[in-house]
PDB file of N, CA and C in Angstrom:
ATOM      1  N   MET A   1     125.009 173.256 105.167  1.00  0.00           N
ATOM      2  CA  MET A   1     124.681 172.116 104.973  1.00  0.00           C
ATOM      3  C   MET A   1     125.553 171.513 103.842  1.00  0.00           C
ATOM      4  N   PRO A   2     126.288 170.431 104.040  1.00  0.00           N
ATOM      5  CA  PRO A   2     127.460 169.937 102.887  1.00  0.00           C
ATOM      6  C   PRO A   2     126.573 169.189 101.764  1.00  0.00           C
ATOM      7  N   ASP A   3     127.030 169.348 100.557  1.00  0.00           N
ATOM      8  CA  ASP A   3     126.699 168.989  99.590  1.00  0.00           C
ATOM      9  C   ASP A   3     126.720 167.301  99.566  1.00  0.00           C
ATOM     10  N   LEU A   4     125.587 166.443  99.537  1.00  0.00           N
ATOM     11  CA  LEU A   4     125.653 164.892  99.416  1.00  0.00           C
ATOM     12  C   LEU A   4     126.339 164.394  98.495  1.00  0.00           C
ATOM     13  N   PHE A   5     126.256 164.920  97.229  1.00  0.00           N
ATOM     14  CA  PHE A   5     126.993 164.314  95.905  1.00  0.00           C
ATOM     15  C   PHE A   5     128.016 165.075  95.167  1.00  0.00           C
ATOM     16  N   GLY A   6     128.506 166.069  96.297  1.00  0.00           N
ATOM     17  CA  GLY A   6     129.491 166.881  95.742  1.00  0.00           C
ATOM     18  C   GLY A   6     130.893 166.009  95.685  1.00  0.00           C
ATOM     19  N   TRP A   7     131.622 165.166  96.434  1.00  0.00           N
ATOM     20  CA  TRP A   7     132.654 164.505  96.179  1.00  0.00           C
ATOM     21  C   TRP A   7     132.436 163.460  95.113  1.00  0.00           C
ATOM     22  N   PRO A   8     131.382 162.631  94.993  1.00  0.00           N
ATOM     23  CA  PRO A   8     131.300 161.525  94.232  1.00  0.00           C
ATOM     24  C   PRO A   8     131.165 162.269  92.836  1.00  0.00           C
ATOM     25  N   MET A   9     130.548 163.183  92.485  1.00  0.00           N
ATOM     26  CA  MET A   9     130.512 164.182  91.133  1.00  0.00           C
ATOM     27  C   MET A   9     131.845 164.605  90.868  1.00  0.00           C
ATOM     28  N   ALA A  10     132.602 165.094  91.951  1.00  0.00           N
ATOM     29  CA  ALA A  10     133.977 165.751  91.259  1.00  0.00           C
ATOM     30  C   ALA A  10     134.755 164.696  91.203  1.00  0.00           C
ATOM     31  N   ALA A  11     134.669 163.277  91.837  1.00  0.00           N
ATOM     32  CA  ALA A  11     135.638 162.214  91.318  1.00  0.00           C
ATOM     33  C   ALA A  11     135.247 161.667  90.146  1.00  0.00           C
ATOM     34  N   ALA A  12     134.226 161.667  89.609  1.00  0.00           N
ATOM     35  CA  ALA A  12     133.661 161.001  88.224  1.00  0.00           C
ATOM     36  C   ALA A  12     133.999 162.393  87.148  1.00  0.00           C
ATOM     37  N   HIS A  13     133.698 163.471  87.583  1.00  0.00           N
ATOM     38  CA  HIS A  13     134.318 164.449  86.543  1.00  0.00           C
ATOM     39  C   HIS A  13     135.903 164.523  86.535  1.00  0.00           C
ATOM     40  N   PHE A  14     136.412 164.143  87.374  1.00  0.00           N
ATOM     41  CA  PHE A  14     138.101 164.102  87.168  1.00  0.00           C
ATOM     42  C   PHE A  14     138.278 162.892  86.416  1.00  0.00           C
ATOM     43  N   LEU A  15     137.799 161.833  86.766  1.00  0.00           N
ATOM     44  CA  LEU A  15     138.266 160.676  86.045  1.00  0.00           C
ATOM     45  C   LEU A  15     137.525 160.902  84.587  1.00  0.00           C
ATOM     46  N   VAL A  16     136.595 161.335  84.222  1.00  0.00           N
ATOM     47  CA  VAL A  16     136.159 161.543  82.743  1.00  0.00           C
ATOM     48  C   VAL A  16     136.903 162.299  82.158  1.00  0.00           C
ATOM     49  N   THR A  17     137.515 163.435  82.651  1.00  0.00           N
ATOM     50  CA  THR A  17     138.240 164.537  82.194  1.00  0.00           C
ATOM     51  C   THR A  17     139.636 164.107  82.045  1.00  0.00           C
ATOM     52  N   THR A  18     140.014 163.180  82.706  1.00  0.00           N
ATOM     53  CA  THR A  18     141.358 162.543  82.740  1.00  0.00           C
ATOM     54  C   THR A  18     141.334 161.625  81.569  1.00  0.00           C
ATOM     55  N   LEU A  19     140.327 160.707  81.477  1.00  0.00           N
ATOM     56  CA  LEU A  19     140.441 159.857  80.143  1.00  0.00           C
ATOM     57  C   LEU A  19     140.318 160.518  79.035  1.00  0.00           C
ATOM     58  N   ALA A  20     139.288 161.777  78.945  1.00  0.00           N
ATOM     59  CA  ALA A  20     139.175 162.582  77.610  1.00  0.00           C
ATOM     60  C   ALA A  20     140.670 163.084  77.205  1.00  0.00           C
ATOM     61  N   THR A  21     141.264 163.576  78.253  1.00  0.00           N
ATOM     62  CA  THR A  21     142.572 164.313  77.949  1.00  0.00           C
ATOM     63  C   THR A  21     143.630 162.891  77.393  1.00  0.00           C
ATOM     64  N   LEU A  22     143.665 162.018  77.887  1.00  0.00           N
ATOM     65  CA  LEU A  22     144.549 160.846  77.719  1.00  0.00           C
ATOM     66  C   LEU A  22     143.842 160.350  76.166  1.00  0.00           C
ATOM     67  N   LEU A  23     142.668 160.383  75.816  1.00  0.00           N
ATOM     68  CA  LEU A  23     142.159 159.782  74.371  1.00  0.00           C
ATOM     69  C   LEU A  23     142.170 161.079  73.377  1.00  0.00           C
ATOM     70  N   SER A  24     142.595 162.320  73.533  1.00  0.00           N
ATOM     71  CA  SER A  24     142.283 163.219  72.959  1.00  0.00           C
ATOM     72  C   SER A  24     143.604 163.316  71.602  1.00  0.00           C
ATOM     73  N   PRO A  25     144.669 162.793  72.019  1.00  0.00           N
ATOM     74  CA  PRO A  25     145.692 162.604  70.793  1.00  0.00           C
ATOM     75  C   PRO A  25     145.129 161.639  69.862  1.00  0.00           C
ATOM     76  N   MET A  26     144.498 160.754  70.355  1.00  0.00           N
ATOM     77  CA  MET A  26     143.696 159.605  69.193  1.00  0.00           C
ATOM     78  C   MET A  26     142.572 159.901  68.651  1.00  0.00           C
ATOM     79  N   LEU A  27     141.756 160.328  69.315  1.00  0.00           N
ATOM     80  CA  LEU A  27     140.207 160.665  68.926  1.00  0.00           C
ATOM     81  C   LEU A  27     139.886 161.886  68.717  1.00  0.00           C
ATOM     82  N   ALA A  28     140.550 163.133  68.998  1.00  0.00           N
ATOM     83  CA  ALA A  28     140.356 164.533  68.703  1.00  0.00           C
ATOM     84  C   ALA A  28     138.944 164.911  69.266  1.00  0.00           C
ATOM     85  N   GLY A  29     138.190 165.110  68.531  1.00  0.00           N
ATOM     86  CA  GLY A  29     136.655 165.680  68.902  1.00  0.00           C
ATOM     87  C   GLY A  29     135.731 164.602  69.695  1.00  0.00           C
ATOM     88  N   ALA A  30     136.093 163.436  69.548  1.00  0.00           N
ATOM     89  CA  ALA A  30     135.356 162.415  70.111  1.00  0.00           C
ATOM     90  C   ALA A  30     136.018 161.846  71.473  1.00  0.00           C
ATOM     91  N   SER A  31     136.743 162.343  71.774  1.00  0.00           N
ATOM     92  CA  SER A  31     137.317 161.824  73.069  1.00  0.00           C
ATOM     93  C   SER A  31     136.362 162.108  74.273  1.00  0.00           C
ATOM     94  N   THR A  32     136.048 163.053  74.706  1.00  0.00           N
ATOM     95  CA  THR A  32     134.936 163.210  75.583  1.00  0.00           C
ATOM     96  C   THR A  32     133.816 162.020  75.798  1.00  0.00           C
ATOM     97  N   VAL A  33     133.305 161.853  74.392  1.00  0.00           N
ATOM     98  CA  VAL A  33     132.214 160.802  74.077  1.00  0.00           C
ATOM     99  C   VAL A  33     132.583 159.370  74.526  1.00  0.00           C
ATOM    100  N   VAL A  34     134.049 159.115  73.932  1.00  0.00           N
ATOM    101  CA  VAL A  34     134.421 157.946  74.243  1.00  0.00           C
ATOM    102  C   VAL A  34     134.953 157.743  75.755  1.00  0.00           C
ATOM    103  N   ALA A  35     135.330 158.796  76.421  1.00  0.00           N
ATOM    104  CA  ALA A  35     135.580 158.870  77.710  1.00  0.00           C
ATOM    105  C   ALA A  35     134.584 158.639  78.701  1.00  0.00           C
ATOM    106  N   ILE A  36     133.160 159.108  78.391  1.00  0.00           N
ATOM    107  CA  ILE A  36     131.903 158.974  79.120  1.00  0.00           C
ATOM    108  C   ILE A  36     131.576 157.541  78.797  1.00  0.00           C
ATOM    109  N   VAL A  37     131.680 156.952  77.813  1.00  0.00           N
ATOM    110  CA  VAL A  37     131.294 155.724  77.501  1.00  0.00           C
ATOM    111  C   VAL A  37     132.016 154.600  78.203  1.00  0.00           C
ATOM    112  N   LEU A  38     133.511 154.846  78.247  1.00  0.00           N
ATOM    113  CA  LEU A  38     134.273 154.038  78.797  1.00  0.00           C
ATOM    114  C   LEU A  38     134.163 154.085  80.398  1.00  0.00           C
ATOM    115  N   PHE A  39     133.808 155.377  81.090  1.00  0.00           N
ATOM    116  CA  PHE A  39     133.322 155.386  82.370  1.00  0.00           C
ATOM    117  C   PHE A  39     132.201 154.568  82.635  1.00  0.00           C
ATOM    118  N   THR A  40     131.313 154.976  81.770  1.00  0.00           N
ATOM    119  CA  THR A  40     129.786 154.105  82.156  1.00  0.00           C
ATOM    120  C   THR A  40     130.154 152.674  82.277  1.00  0.00           C
ATOM    121  N   VAL A  41     131.200 151.850  81.175  1.00  0.00           N
ATOM    122  CA  VAL A  41     131.150 150.625  81.115  1.00  0.00           C
ATOM    123  C   VAL A  41     131.833 150.306  82.419  1.00  0.00           C
ATOM    124  N   ALA A  42     132.916 150.949  82.861  1.00  0.00           N
ATOM    125  CA  ALA A  42     133.657 150.591  84.257  1.00  0.00           C
ATOM    126  C   ALA A  42     132.654 150.592  85.264  1.00  0.00           C
ATOM    127  N   VAL A  43     131.865 151.740  85.299  1.00  0.00           N
ATOM    128  CA  VAL A  43     130.906 151.707  86.603  1.00  0.00           C
ATOM    129  C   VAL A  43     130.047 150.505  86.464  1.00  0.00           C
ATOM    130  N   ARG A  44     129.447 150.115  85.069  1.00  0.00           N
ATOM    131  CA  ARG A  44     128.579 149.049  85.244  1.00  0.00           C
ATOM    132  C   ARG A  44     129.405 147.606  85.587  1.00  0.00           C
ATOM    133  N   LEU A  45     130.540 147.380  85.035  1.00  0.00           N
ATOM    134  CA  LEU A  45     131.344 146.284  85.508  1.00  0.00           C
ATOM    135  C   LEU A  45     131.537 146.222  87.010  1.00  0.00           C
ATOM    136  N   LEU A  46     131.690 147.381  87.659  1.00  0.00           N
ATOM    137  CA  LEU A  46     131.839 147.303  89.219  1.00  0.00           C
ATOM    138  C   LEU A  46     130.808 146.876  89.913  1.00  0.00           C
ATOM    139  N   LEU A  47     129.517 147.325  89.194  1.00  0.00           N
ATOM    140  CA  LEU A  47     128.216 147.006  89.873  1.00  0.00           C
ATOM    141  C   LEU A  47     127.789 145.503  89.469  1.00  0.00           C
ATOM    142  N   LEU A  48     128.339 144.849  88.492  1.00  0.00           N
ATOM    143  CA  LEU A  48     127.921 143.548  88.136  1.00  0.00           C
ATOM    144  C   LEU A  48     127.843 142.478  89.112  1.00  0.00           C
ATOM    145  N   PRO A  49     128.727 142.551  90.069  1.00  0.00           N
ATOM    146  CA  PRO A  49     128.517 141.380  91.243  1.00  0.00           C
ATOM    147  C   PRO A  49     127.344 141.627  91.942  1.00  0.00           C
ATOM    148  N   PHE A  50     126.694 143.098  92.316  1.00  0.00           N
ATOM    149  CA  PHE A  50     125.659 143.448  93.006  1.00  0.00           C
ATOM    150  C   PHE A  50     124.430 142.774  92.457  1.00  0.00           C
ATOM    151  N   SER A  51     124.358 143.222  90.930  1.00  0.00           N
ATOM    152  CA  SER A  51     123.227 142.680  90.002  1.00  0.00           C
ATOM    153  C   SER A  51     123.247 141.170  90.033  1.00  0.00           C
ATOM    154  N   ARG A  52     124.316 140.307  89.818  1.00  0.00           N
ATOM    155  CA  ARG A  52     124.211 138.680  90.098  1.00  0.00           C
ATOM    156  C   ARG A  52     123.755 138.343  91.230  1.00  0.00           C
ATOM    157  N   ALA A  53     124.286 139.052  92.278  1.00  0.00           N
ATOM    158  CA  ALA A  53     123.479 138.651  93.654  1.00  0.00           C
ATOM    159  C   ALA A  53     122.001 139.021  93.809  1.00  0.00           C
ATOM    160  N   ALA A  54     121.576 139.933  93.151  1.00  0.00           N
ATOM    161  CA  ALA A  54     120.331 140.427  93.256  1.00  0.00           C
ATOM    162  C   ALA A  54     119.502 139.292  92.595  1.00  0.00           C
ATOM    163  N   VAL A  55     119.801 138.721  91.375  1.00  0.00           N
ATOM    164  CA  VAL A  55     119.357 137.846  90.373  1.00  0.00           C
ATOM    165  C   VAL A  55     119.415 136.375  91.276  1.00  0.00           C
ATOM    166  N   ARG A  56     120.230 136.263  91.879  1.00  0.00           N
ATOM    167  CA  ARG A  56     120.449 135.017  92.804  1.00  0.00           C
ATOM    168  C   ARG A  56     119.473 134.913  93.778  1.00  0.00           C
ATOM    169  N   GLY A  57     119.513 136.026  94.682  1.00  0.00           N
ATOM    170  CA  GLY A  57     118.374 136.073  95.696  1.00  0.00           C
ATOM    171  C   GLY A  57     116.815 136.091  95.116  1.00  0.00           C
ATOM    172  N   GLU A  58     116.469 136.684  93.808  1.00  0.00           N
ATOM    173  CA  GLU A  58     115.227 136.873  93.471  1.00  0.00           C
ATOM    174  C   GLU A  58     115.000 135.269  92.946  1.00  0.00           C
ATOM    175  N   LYS A  59     115.855 134.560  92.432  1.00  0.00           N
ATOM    176  CA  LYS A  59     115.557 132.982  92.172  1.00  0.00           C
ATOM    177  C   LYS A  59     115.407 132.131  93.465  1.00  0.00           C
ATOM    178  N   ALA A  60     116.007 132.514  94.585  1.00  0.00           N
ATOM    179  CA  ALA A  60     115.769 131.853  95.698  1.00  0.00           C
ATOM    180  C   ALA A  60     114.498 132.159  96.510  1.00  0.00           C
ATOM    181  N   ARG A  61     114.174 133.544  96.344  1.00  0.00           N
ATOM    182  CA  ARG A  61     112.940 133.963  96.526  1.00  0.00           C
ATOM    183  C   ARG A  61     111.608 133.395  96.254  1.00  0.00           C
ATOM    184  N   ALA A  62     111.860 132.973  94.686  1.00  0.00           N
ATOM    185  CA  ALA A  62     110.909 132.323  93.808  1.00  0.00           C
ATOM    186  C   ALA A  62     110.832 131.124  94.305  1.00  0.00           C
ATOM    187  N   ALA A  63     111.588 130.331  94.533  1.00  0.00           N
ATOM    188  CA  ALA A  63     111.726 129.039  95.053  1.00  0.00           C
ATOM    189  C   ALA A  63     111.089 128.815  96.332  1.00  0.00           C
ATOM    190  N   VAL A  64     111.129 129.667  97.126  1.00  0.00           N
ATOM    191  CA  VAL A  64     110.609 129.293  98.647  1.00  0.00           C
ATOM    192  C   VAL A  64     109.034 130.288  98.583  1.00  0.00           C
ATOM    193  N   ALA A  65     108.647 130.910  97.458  1.00  0.00           N
ATOM    194  CA  ALA A  65     107.306 131.550  97.334  1.00  0.00           C
ATOM    195  C   ALA A  65     106.093 130.594  97.690  1.00  0.00           C
ATOM    196  N   PRO A  66     106.084 129.506  97.030  1.00  0.00           N
ATOM    197  CA  PRO A  66     104.901 128.482  97.693  1.00  0.00           C
ATOM    198  C   PRO A  66     104.894 128.395  98.769  1.00  0.00           C
ATOM    199  N   GLN A  67     105.873 127.915  99.693  1.00  0.00           N
ATOM    200  CA  GLN A  67     106.038 127.712 101.105  1.00  0.00           C
ATOM    201  C   GLN A  67     105.673 128.993 101.944  1.00  0.00           C
ATOM    202  N   THR A  68     105.952 130.090 101.308  1.00  0.00           N
ATOM    203  CA  THR A  68     105.710 131.398 101.975  1.00  0.00           C
ATOM    204  C   THR A  68     104.127 131.455 101.762  1.00  0.00           C
ATOM    205  N   GLN A  69     103.659 131.352 100.861  1.00  0.00           N
ATOM    206  CA  GLN A  69     102.106 131.557 100.595  1.00  0.00           C
ATOM    207  C   GLN A  69     101.166 130.594 101.617  1.00  0.00           C
ATOM    208  N   GLU A  70     101.864 129.245 101.639  1.00  0.00           N
ATOM    209  CA  GLU A  70     100.966 128.460 102.469  1.00  0.00           C
ATOM    210  C   GLU A  70     101.057 128.909 103.961  1.00  0.00           C
ATOM    211  N   ILE A  71     102.290 129.358 104.376  1.00  0.00           N
ATOM    212  CA  ILE A  71     102.404 129.694 105.705  1.00  0.00           C
ATOM    213  C   ILE A  71     101.208 131.046 105.986  1.00  0.00           C
ATOM    214  N   SER A  72     101.230 131.657 104.857  1.00  0.00           N
ATOM    215  CA  SER A  72     100.729 133.068 105.099  1.00  0.00           C
ATOM    216  C   SER A  72      99.117 132.609 105.312  1.00  0.00           C
ATOM    217  N   ILE A  73      98.591 131.572 104.341  1.00  0.00           N
ATOM    218  CA  ILE A  73      97.166 131.174 104.462  1.00  0.00           C
ATOM    219  C   ILE A  73      97.224 130.421 105.640  1.00  0.00           C
ATOM    220  N   ALA A  74      97.960 129.753 106.166  1.00  0.00           N
ATOM    221  CA  ALA A  74      97.770 129.165 107.700  1.00  0.00           C
ATOM    222  C   ALA A  74      97.584 130.188 108.908  1.00  0.00           C
ATOM    223  N   ASN A  75      98.370 131.096 108.602  1.00  0.00           N
ATOM    224  CA  ASN A  75      98.503 132.087 109.609  1.00  0.00           C
ATOM    225  C   ASN A  75      96.937 132.994 109.946  1.00  0.00           C
ATOM    226  N   THR A  76      96.674 133.139 108.523  1.00  0.00           N
ATOM    227  CA  THR A  76      95.223 133.850 108.360  1.00  0.00           C
ATOM    228  C   THR A  76      94.370 133.241 108.861  1.00  0.00           C
ATOM    229  N   ALA A  77      94.103 131.923 108.484  1.00  0.00           N
ATOM    230  CA  ALA A  77      93.284 131.119 109.194  1.00  0.00           C
ATOM    231  C   ALA A  77      93.371 131.082 110.896  1.00  0.00           C
ATOM    232  N   THR A  78      94.513 131.000 111.186  1.00  0.00           N
ATOM    233  CA  THR A  78      94.573 130.795 112.617  1.00  0.00           C
ATOM    234  C   THR A  78      94.282 132.049 113.477  1.00  0.00           C
ATOM    235  N   ILE A  79      94.572 133.337 112.808  1.00  0.00           N
ATOM    236  CA  ILE A  79      94.043 134.494 113.382  1.00  0.00           C
ATOM    237  C   ILE A  79      92.575 134.736 113.340  1.00  0.00           C
ATOM    238  N   ARG A  80      92.191 134.036 112.276  1.00  0.00           N
ATOM    239  CA  ARG A  80      90.472 134.384 112.127  1.00  0.00           C
ATOM    240  C   ARG A  80      89.920 133.546 113.206  1.00  0.00           C
ATOM    241  N   ARG A  81      90.610 132.247 113.429  1.00  0.00           N
ATOM    242  CA  ARG A  81      89.875 131.435 114.296  1.00  0.00           C
ATOM    243  C   ARG A  81      90.344 132.030 115.774  1.00  0.00           C
ATOM    244  N   ASN A  82      91.081 132.333 115.961  1.00  0.00           N
ATOM    245  CA  ASN A  82      91.493 133.156 117.247  1.00  0.00           C
ATOM    246  C   ASN A  82      90.718 134.421 117.668  1.00  0.00           C
ATOM    247  N   CYS A  83      90.421 135.283 116.625  1.00  0.00           N
ATOM    248  CA  CYS A  83      89.551 136.395 116.819  1.00  0.00           C
ATOM    249  C   CYS A  83      88.270 136.315 116.520  1.00  0.00           C
ATOM    250  N   SER A  84      87.618 135.135 116.181  1.00  0.00           N
ATOM    251  CA  SER A  84      86.229 135.087 115.836  1.00  0.00           C
ATOM    252  C   SER A  84      85.332 135.510 117.074  1.00  0.00           C
ATOM    253  N   VAL A  85      85.351 135.363 118.185  1.00  0.00           N
ATOM    254  CA  VAL A  85      84.947 135.825 119.445  1.00  0.00           C
ATOM    255  C   VAL A  85      85.479 136.720 120.093  1.00  0.00           C
ATOM    256  N   ARG A  86      84.958 137.902 119.924  1.00  0.00           N
ATOM    257  CA  ARG A  86      85.642 139.125 120.925  1.00  0.00           C
ATOM    258  C   ARG A  86      84.607 139.606 121.674  1.00  0.00           C
ATOM    259  N   SER A  87      85.182 140.204 122.694  1.00  0.00           N
ATOM    260  CA  SER A  87      84.381 141.063 123.683  1.00  0.00           C
ATOM    261  C   SER A  87      83.571 142.077 122.885  1.00  0.00           C
ATOM    262  N   PRO A  88      82.725 142.653 123.565  1.00  0.00           N
ATOM    263  CA  PRO A  88      81.817 144.019 122.854  1.00  0.00           C
ATOM    264  C   PRO A  88      82.708 145.032 123.152  1.00  0.00           C
ATOM    265  N   PRO A  89      82.533 146.112 122.088  1.00  0.00           N
ATOM    266  CA  PRO A  89      83.754 147.078 121.918  1.00  0.00           C
ATOM    267  C   PRO A  89      83.731 147.876 123.113  1.00  0.00           C
ATOM    268  N   CYS A  90      84.905 148.551 123.441  1.00  0.00           N
ATOM    269  CA  CYS A  90      84.915 149.458 124.403  1.00  0.00           C
ATOM    270  C   CYS A  90      83.848 150.654 124.197  1.00  0.00           C
ATOM    271  N   THR A  91      83.313 151.016 125.324  1.00  0.00           N
ATOM    272  CA  THR A  91      82.701 152.257 125.471  1.00  0.00           C
ATOM    273  C   THR A  91      83.368 153.507 125.906  1.00  0.00           C
ATOM    274  N   GLY A  92      83.016 154.566 125.856  1.00  0.00           N
ATOM    275  CA  GLY A  92      83.722 155.957 126.394  1.00  0.00           C
ATOM    276  C   GLY A  92      84.641 156.415 125.544  1.00  0.00           C
ATOM    277  N   ASN A  93      85.831 156.425 125.612  1.00  0.00           N
ATOM    278  CA  ASN A  93      86.633 157.084 125.066  1.00  0.00           C
ATOM    279  C   ASN A  93      86.826 156.484 123.483  1.00  0.00           C
ATOM    280  N   PRO A  94      86.652 157.501 122.601  1.00  0.00           N
ATOM    281  CA  PRO A  94      86.486 157.087 121.142  1.00  0.00           C
ATOM    282  C   PRO A  94      87.683 156.363 120.523  1.00  0.00           C
ATOM    283  N   VAL A  95      88.991 157.014 121.339  1.00  0.00           N
ATOM    284  CA  VAL A  95      90.111 156.181 120.736  1.00  0.00           C
ATOM    285  C   VAL A  95      90.502 154.713 121.467  1.00  0.00           C
ATOM    286  N   ARG A  96      89.812 154.587 122.364  1.00  0.00           N
ATOM    287  CA  ARG A  96      89.698 153.177 122.737  1.00  0.00           C
ATOM    288  C   ARG A  96      89.039 152.171 122.074  1.00  0.00           C
ATOM    289  N   ARG A  97      87.771 152.855 121.477  1.00  0.00           N
ATOM    290  CA  ARG A  97      86.697 152.067 120.761  1.00  0.00           C
ATOM    291  C   ARG A  97      87.425 151.671 119.483  1.00  0.00           C
ATOM    292  N   CYS A  98      88.202 152.465 118.793  1.00  0.00           N
ATOM    293  CA  CYS A  98      88.795 152.383 117.555  1.00  0.00           C
ATOM    294  C   CYS A  98      89.993 151.502 117.344  1.00  0.00           C
ATOM    295  N   SER A  99      90.620 151.796 118.431  1.00  0.00           N
ATOM    296  CA  SER A  99      92.124 151.167 118.402  1.00  0.00           C
ATOM    297  C   SER A  99      92.263 149.681 118.715  1.00  0.00           C
ATOM    298  N   PRO A 100      93.223 148.635 117.988  1.00  0.00           N
ATOM    299  CA  PRO A 100      92.995 147.484 118.001  1.00  0.00           C
ATOM    300  C   PRO A 100      94.133 147.362 119.366  1.00  0.00           C
ATOM    301  N   ALA A 101      94.895 147.922 119.802  1.00  0.00           N
ATOM    302  CA  ALA A 101      95.624 147.954 120.799  1.00  0.00           C
ATOM    303  C   ALA A 101      94.968 147.886 122.183  1.00  0.00           C
ATOM    304  N   PHE A 102      93.694 148.347 122.416  1.00  0.00           N
ATOM    305  CA  PHE A 102      92.955 148.332 123.486  1.00  0.00           C
ATOM    306  C   PHE A 102      92.013 147.423 123.414  1.00  0.00           C
ATOM    307  N   CYS A 103      92.052 146.150 122.451  1.00  0.00           N
ATOM    308  CA  CYS A 103      90.977 145.254 122.191  1.00  0.00           C
ATOM    309  C   CYS A 103      90.819 144.185 123.398  1.00  0.00           C
ATOM    310  N   ARG A 104      89.745 143.592 123.644  1.00  0.00           N
ATOM    311  CA  ARG A 104      89.577 142.984 124.974  1.00  0.00           C
ATOM    312  C   ARG A 104      89.721 141.533 124.615  1.00  0.00           C
ATOM    313  N   CYS A 105      89.841 141.248 123.530  1.00  0.00           N
ATOM    314  CA  CYS A 105      90.040 139.962 122.684  1.00  0.00           C
ATOM    315  C   CYS A 105      91.224 139.155 123.111  1.00  0.00           C
ATOM    316  N   SER A 106      91.407 137.703 122.918  1.00  0.00           N
ATOM    317  CA  SER A 106      92.696 137.061 123.487  1.00  0.00           C
ATOM    318  C   SER A 106      93.996 137.764 122.956  1.00  0.00           C
ATOM    319  N   PRO A 107      95.083 137.448 123.848  1.00  0.00           N
ATOM    320  CA  PRO A 107      96.399 138.156 123.202  1.00  0.00           C
ATOM    321  C   PRO A 107      96.995 137.551 122.228  1.00  0.00           C
ATOM    322  N   LYS A 108      96.236 136.194 121.711  1.00  0.00           N
ATOM    323  CA  LYS A 108      96.768 135.799 120.446  1.00  0.00           C
ATOM    324  C   LYS A 108      96.199 136.902 119.446  1.00  0.00           C
ATOM    325  N   CYS A 109      94.890 137.180 119.505  1.00  0.00           N
ATOM    326  CA  CYS A 109      94.502 138.238 118.505  1.00  0.00           C
ATOM    327  C   CYS A 109      95.198 139.335 118.357  1.00  0.00           C
ATOM    328  N   ARG A 110      95.483 140.025 119.807  1.00  0.00           N
ATOM    329  CA  ARG A 110      95.969 141.092 119.843  1.00  0.00           C
ATOM    330  C   ARG A 110      97.511 141.386 119.123  1.00  0.00           C
ATOM    331  N   SER A 111      98.015 139.991 119.483  1.00  0.00           N
ATOM    332  CA  SER A 111      99.618 140.205 118.769  1.00  0.00           C
ATOM    333  C   SER A 111      99.473 139.629 117.239  1.00  0.00           C
ATOM    334  N   SER A 112      98.368 139.616 116.688  1.00  0.00           N
ATOM    335  CA  SER A 112      98.298 139.310 115.262  1.00  0.00           C
ATOM    336  C   SER A 112      97.943 140.602 114.411  1.00  0.00           C
ATOM    337  N   TRP A 113      97.503 141.830 115.263  1.00  0.00           N
ATOM    338  CA  TRP A 113      97.621 143.191 114.438  1.00  0.00           C
ATOM    339  C   TRP A 113      98.904 143.633 114.016  1.00  0.00           C
TER     340      TRP A 113
END
């Protein structure tokens, strides 16, 4: 079975060791630490557009949350109203008795499960 993280880890290792090699004449012993920090900063900068999009999406979701809650409350009331009168439960097969898929109430009620 191929390793899922084999090539990304190899690429990251190659980039960090190359950075550390390039920085070693200037920083000597701290070159590996600085290379890891620079690599981390670069990855975070690459991911920045995705996090900004997530924040924008969260703001949009928060703006529509009251309307979503109103719709949810209205649908719950409709489902309760449509399913308030049900036929007697099925007898015989215990699976049919417990399963909402075999309920004999209105089709609106069955589609709401």
